[in-house]
Amino acid sequence: MTKTLVTLKKLANRKVEDLEQNLAAVRQGIGQVKVALVRNAEEMVRAGVQAAEGADLMMMQAAQGFIQRLKVERAKLDGLLAQGQAREQDVLAALRVAFMERERYDILHQRREAERKKSLAKKAQDGLDEIGGRVGAAVEKT
């Protein structure tokens, strides 16, 4: 049973490591989306300033078209950010469960080790008691 428990502990540790790597990747993706959102906002401000400064009607229309494209891109980025944050919450929940599972196996393993040591100590004490009984019996005979 101990070998099975050790194997379960290893599997639980691996699961935690995999989820931690997954969480890091999700958070990196969220960071990239946030950078893209900032870049989008900066471009939108720049395009708005150019549209306001533009005296030429064609230039103003082009800037408005660019701003519309940036708004569509912004909506997509907002959706990606929401998906990333939802995925992050899912991975965090799975990670909590994996941590609890790993902790449960650790506790079981510690209990089994304590039981094994207690059993060995009892066997050793029983052996000493038996030897003591024999020595005592031999002393009484003499």
Foldseek 3Di string as FASTA:
>chain_A
DLVVLVVQLVVLVVQLVVLVVVLVVLVVVLVVLVVVLVVLVVLLVVLVVQLVPDPDPVSVVVSVVVNVVSVVVNVVSVVVNVVSVVVNVVSVVVSVVSVVSSVVSVVVSVVVVVVVVVVVVVVVVVVVVVVVVVVVVVVVVD
